[in-house]
Protein backbone atom coordinates (compact mmCIF):
# COMPACT_ATOMS: atom_id res chain seq x y z
CA UNK A 1 0.00 0.00 0.00
CA UNK A 2 2.89 2.37 0.70
CA UNK A 3 4.00 2.04 -2.94
CA UNK A 4 0.55 3.12 -4.19
CA UNK A 5 0.69 6.21 -1.98
CA UNK A 6 4.10 7.13 -3.40
CA UNK A 7 2.79 6.75 -6.95
CA UNK A 8 -0.21 8.97 -6.15
CA UNK A 9 2.07 11.58 -4.61
CA UNK A 10 4.40 11.32 -7.60
CA UNK A 11 1.45 11.88 -9.94
CA UNK A 12 0.52 14.99 -7.96
CA UNK A 13 4.02 16.38 -8.51
CA UNK A 14 3.85 15.51 -12.22
CA UNK A 15 0.56 17.36 -12.56
CA UNK A 16 2.08 20.41 -10.91
CA UNK A 17 5.23 20.37 -13.01
CA UNK A 18 3.54 19.74 -16.34
CA UNK A 19 1.57 22.98 -16.09
CA UNK A 20 4.50 24.93 -14.67
CA UNK A 21 8.23 24.50 -14.93
CA UNK A 22 10.40 22.18 -12.91
CA UNK A 23 14.10 21.98 -12.23
CA UNK A 24 15.79 18.65 -12.61
CA UNK A 25 19.09 18.13 -10.84
CA UNK A 26 21.18 15.17 -11.88
CA UNK A 27 23.65 13.84 -9.32
CA UNK A 28 25.82 10.73 -9.73
CA UNK A 29 23.56 8.72 -7.39
CA UNK A 30 20.14 10.38 -7.74
CA UNK A 31 17.73 12.56 -9.69
CA UNK A 32 16.00 15.42 -7.86
CA UNK A 33 12.89 17.02 -9.36
CA UNK A 34 11.79 20.24 -7.72
CA UNK A 35 8.48 21.85 -8.80
CA UNK A 36 8.92 25.50 -9.77
CA UNK A 37 6.59 28.12 -11.21
CA UNK A 38 7.11 29.90 -14.52
CA UNK A 39 8.87 32.70 -12.63
CA UNK A 40 11.35 30.20 -11.16
CA UNK A 41 9.88 30.38 -7.65
CA UNK A 42 9.17 27.29 -5.57
CA UNK A 43 5.60 25.97 -5.67
CA UNK A 44 6.05 23.16 -3.13
CA UNK A 45 7.99 22.49 0.04
CA UNK A 46 8.83 18.97 -1.20
CA UNK A 47 10.72 17.53 -4.14
CA UNK A 48 10.93 14.10 -5.76
CA UNK A 49 14.17 12.17 -5.30
CA UNK A 50 14.85 9.08 -7.45
CA UNK A 51 17.73 6.87 -6.34
CA UNK A 52 19.63 5.86 -9.49
CA UNK A 53 20.92 2.63 -7.91
CA UNK A 54 17.82 1.21 -6.20
CA UNK A 55 15.12 3.03 -8.21
CA UNK A 56 13.45 4.12 -4.95
CA UNK A 57 11.12 7.14 -5.23
CA UNK A 58 11.01 9.48 -2.22
CA UNK A 59 9.28 12.75 -1.49
CA UNK A 60 11.72 14.91 0.46
CA UNK A 61 10.97 18.05 2.49
CA UNK A 62 13.21 20.82 1.17
CA UNK A 63 13.67 22.26 4.67
CA UNK A 64 14.97 18.92 6.01
CA UNK A 65 17.25 18.04 3.08
CA UNK A 66 17.90 20.95 0.71
CA UNK A 67 19.20 20.25 -2.80
CA UNK A 68 22.84 21.34 -3.12
CA UNK A 69 22.87 22.33 -6.78
CA UNK A 70 26.58 23.22 -6.94
CA UNK A 71 27.32 19.48 -7.33
CA UNK A 72 24.61 18.84 -9.92
CA UNK A 73 23.77 19.20 -13.58
CA UNK A 74 20.64 21.38 -13.57
CA UNK A 75 18.07 21.43 -16.38
CA UNK A 76 14.54 22.74 -16.72
CA UNK A 77 11.85 20.17 -17.51
CA UNK A 78 8.08 20.41 -17.80
CA UNK A 79 7.09 17.01 -16.45
CA UNK A 80 7.76 13.31 -16.19
CA UNK A 81 6.40 10.90 -18.79
CA UNK A 82 7.52 7.87 -16.82
CA UNK A 83 10.21 5.38 -15.97
CA UNK A 84 10.98 2.55 -18.40
CA UNK A 85 13.04 -0.61 -18.01
CA UNK A 86 15.51 -1.16 -20.85
CA UNK A 87 18.17 -3.82 -21.40
CA UNK A 88 20.68 -1.28 -20.09
CA UNK A 89 18.58 -0.65 -16.95
CA UNK A 90 15.95 1.87 -15.90
CA UNK A 91 15.61 5.22 -17.64
CA UNK A 92 13.65 8.36 -16.79
CA UNK A 93 11.61 9.96 -19.59
CA UNK A 94 11.09 13.71 -19.08
CA UNK A 95 9.33 16.46 -21.03
CA UNK A 96 11.85 19.08 -22.15
CA UNK A 97 9.56 21.21 -24.33
CA UNK A 98 5.81 21.71 -24.41
CA UNK A 99 3.46 24.16 -26.11
CA UNK A 100 0.33 25.56 -24.50
CA UNK A 101 -2.59 24.67 -26.79
CA UNK A 102 -5.45 26.18 -24.85
CA UNK A 103 -7.46 26.28 -21.66
CA UNK A 104 -10.41 24.02 -20.88
CA UNK A 105 -12.55 24.84 -17.84
CA UNK A 106 -9.65 26.72 -16.28
CA UNK A 107 -7.07 23.97 -16.91
CA UNK A 108 -4.17 24.45 -19.31
CA UNK A 109 -3.83 21.90 -22.13
CA UNK A 110 -0.25 21.24 -23.24
CA UNK A 111 1.23 19.42 -26.24
CA UNK A 112 4.52 17.64 -25.62
CA UNK A 113 6.99 18.62 -28.34
CA UNK A 114 10.29 17.21 -26.99
CA UNK A 115 11.31 14.53 -24.53
CA UNK A 116 14.58 13.20 -23.20
CA UNK A 117 15.47 9.71 -22.00
CA UNK A 118 17.98 9.75 -19.14
CA UNK A 119 19.47 6.39 -18.18
CA UNK A 120 19.96 5.63 -14.50
CA UNK A 121 23.29 3.97 -15.33
CA UNK A 122 26.01 6.41 -16.35
CA UNK A 123 28.06 3.84 -18.30
CA UNK A 124 27.49 0.89 -20.61
CA UNK A 125 30.26 -1.25 -19.07
CA UNK A 126 27.69 -3.72 -17.69
CA UNK A 127 26.33 -4.47 -21.20
CA UNK A 128 27.47 -7.12 -23.66
CA UNK A 129 28.93 -6.02 -27.03
CA UNK A 130 25.65 -6.86 -28.77
CA UNK A 131 23.62 -4.86 -26.23
CA UNK A 132 25.89 -1.82 -26.68
CA UNK A 133 25.13 -1.82 -30.43
CA UNK A 134 21.42 -1.34 -29.70
CA UNK A 135 21.89 1.08 -26.80
């Protein structure tokens, strides 16, 4: 049951970030996704942390464990499409560009125009030669 709650909370963050902007910080051992508004200001006191080794999803209170961005690669994303399992391991699919198409009953409707697939593994050393060809 705890897993279902995490997924629901994750979906809530995705809904926030898809209509706003979000900062993604990539560290060697984790991804951190922090919901931000269009002006760059924080819209939540929590952020999503994804452990790149275990795949564990955690909602972290910013006040208890702030993100130290000086050690990270920082990019702006607009949402999370999902997490997929590939031969090379898990990968995070994020929305990097989206166009506002309209508003329906007060809710913005967006079209995804670009995505990025970010592998959890930073190298391909664990793959066979044949697997590397298709990576």
